[in-house]
Protein backbone atom coordinates (compact mmCIF):
# COMPACT_ATOMS: atom_id res chain seq x y z
CA MET A 1 1.50 4.90 13.75
CA ARG A 2 -0.68 7.97 13.61
CA GLU A 3 -4.08 9.43 13.68
CA ASN A 4 -3.06 10.87 10.72
CA LEU A 5 -1.90 8.50 8.94
CA HIS A 6 -4.78 6.35 9.84
CA SER A 7 -6.55 9.40 8.74
CA TRP A 8 -4.85 9.10 5.07
CA LEU A 9 -5.38 5.56 4.93
CA THR A 10 -9.20 6.21 5.11
CA GLU A 11 -9.11 9.15 2.35
CA LYS A 12 -7.21 7.20 -0.32
CA MET A 13 -10.25 4.44 -0.03
CA LYS A 14 -11.95 7.65 -2.13
CA VAL A 15 -9.99 6.75 -4.73
CA PRO A 16 -11.43 5.35 -7.80
CA GLY A 17 -10.39 2.10 -8.20
CA ILE A 18 -8.58 0.79 -4.68
CA LEU A 19 -10.75 -2.16 -3.61
CA ALA A 20 -8.63 -2.09 -0.29
CA CYS A 21 -5.03 -0.43 1.32
CA GLY A 22 -2.93 -0.79 4.30
CA LEU A 23 0.22 0.94 6.04
CA ARG A 24 2.48 -1.21 8.47
CA ALA A 25 5.27 0.87 10.28
CA PRO A 26 8.33 -0.28 11.24
CA ASP A 27 7.43 -2.33 14.57
CA ARG A 28 4.68 -4.33 12.88
CA LYS A 29 1.89 -2.26 13.49
CA THR A 30 -0.15 -2.30 10.83
CA PHE A 31 -3.79 -0.91 9.29
CA THR A 32 -6.16 -1.92 6.94
CA ARG A 33 -8.95 -0.57 4.92
CA SER A 34 -10.83 -2.88 2.02
CA ALA A 35 -14.33 -2.08 0.37
CA SER A 36 -14.75 -5.61 -0.04
CA VAL A 37 -15.30 -8.10 2.50
CA GLN A 38 -13.35 -10.59 0.15
CA PHE A 39 -10.15 -8.69 1.61
CA THR A 40 -10.12 -9.12 5.38
CA PRO A 41 -8.34 -7.68 7.48
CA ALA A 42 -6.20 -10.70 8.10
CA ALA A 43 -5.29 -11.18 4.77
CA LEU A 44 -5.02 -7.22 4.30
CA GLU A 45 -2.18 -7.76 6.97
CA TYR A 46 -0.22 -10.38 6.21
CA ALA A 47 -0.26 -8.88 2.15
CA CYS A 48 1.06 -5.61 3.74
CA ARG A 49 4.02 -7.80 6.11
CA CYS A 50 5.04 -9.86 2.94
CA LEU A 51 5.77 -5.93 1.31
CA THR A 52 7.60 -4.97 3.95
CA ASP A 53 9.34 -7.74 3.67
CA THR A 54 9.95 -8.20 -0.33
CA PHE A 55 11.53 -4.48 0.08
CA HIS A 56 13.67 -5.50 3.12
CA VAL A 57 15.28 -8.30 0.98
CA LEU A 58 15.88 -5.92 -1.71
CA ARG A 59 17.42 -3.15 -0.03
CA ALA A 60 20.00 -6.08 1.30
CA ASN A 61 21.03 -7.16 -1.99
CA GLN A 62 21.21 -3.53 -3.60
CA PHE A 63 18.41 -2.48 -5.85
CA PRO A 64 16.41 0.44 -5.24
CA ALA A 65 13.24 -0.20 -5.33
CA GLY A 66 10.84 2.35 -4.03
CA LEU A 67 7.78 1.42 -5.87
CA VAL A 68 6.97 -2.87 -6.49
CA ARG A 69 4.11 -3.45 -8.52
CA TRP A 70 2.23 -7.31 -8.44
CA VAL A 71 0.43 -8.56 -11.54
CA TYR A 72 -2.70 -11.09 -10.47
CA ALA A 73 -5.18 -11.98 -12.77
CA ASN A 74 -8.00 -9.39 -11.20
CA TYR A 75 -5.79 -7.30 -9.39
CA PHE A 76 -2.34 -5.42 -9.06
CA VAL A 77 -1.04 -4.84 -5.64
CA TYR A 78 0.99 -1.79 -5.56
CA GLY A 79 3.86 -0.89 -2.71
CA SER A 80 5.62 1.88 -1.49
CA ILE A 81 8.29 2.07 1.13
CA ARG A 82 9.09 5.45 2.94
CA GLN A 83 13.08 6.03 4.64
CA ASP A 84 11.04 5.32 8.00
CA GLY A 85 10.52 1.95 7.21
CA ILE A 86 7.14 2.68 6.66
CA CYS A 87 5.09 0.43 3.70
CA PHE A 88 2.10 1.27 1.81
CA ALA A 89 0.05 -0.96 0.05
CA VAL A 90 -3.12 -0.89 -2.45
CA LEU A 91 -4.66 -3.50 -3.97
CA ALA A 92 -6.23 -2.09 -7.49
CA ARG A 93 -8.62 -3.28 -10.06
CA ARG A 94 -6.32 -4.60 -13.24
CA GLU A 95 -10.13 -4.20 -15.38
CA GLY A 96 -13.19 -2.08 -15.19
CA PRO A 97 -13.11 1.42 -13.92
CA GLY A 98 -9.27 0.97 -12.35
CA LEU A 99 -7.03 2.99 -10.42
CA GLU A 100 -5.52 5.77 -12.74
CA PRO A 101 -1.58 5.67 -12.53
CA ALA A 102 -1.38 9.99 -12.19
CA ASP A 103 -3.86 8.83 -9.56
CA LEU A 104 -1.19 6.51 -8.02
CA GLU A 105 1.92 9.40 -8.82
CA ASN A 106 -0.55 11.79 -6.05
CA ILE A 107 -0.86 8.85 -3.48
CA ILE A 108 2.91 7.17 -3.69
CA ALA A 109 3.53 11.31 -3.54
CA GLU A 110 1.61 12.43 -0.79
CA PHE A 111 2.65 9.10 1.41
CA GLN A 112 6.29 9.36 0.99
CA ASN A 113 5.49 13.40 2.32
CA LEU A 114 3.17 12.64 4.71
CA GLN A 115 4.03 13.11 8.24
CA ALA A 116 4.34 10.29 10.61
């Protein structure tokens, strides 16, 4: 993946409420960032792979999904995929200072329009 995607992902870690995030390209290269040792690179890479697989299954079954959310006890996992197949994952807090809906919308819009 190009350097601008890496820089963009690093910058998103500054958004309040984001604990970790990652990008996965169609060539299976994955780039992750985490604010906690709790979310290891290997675990984030696995989550990105599962997210990409989920989008492939949804598309194969003709579900037009562009954004998904998984809800866990303490976290939300959001995912989005672009037309070029690059997938973006965000892990955010459920409680406390969480990711604001407007911030999520802005991040997803930036991701969709980012030059690869």
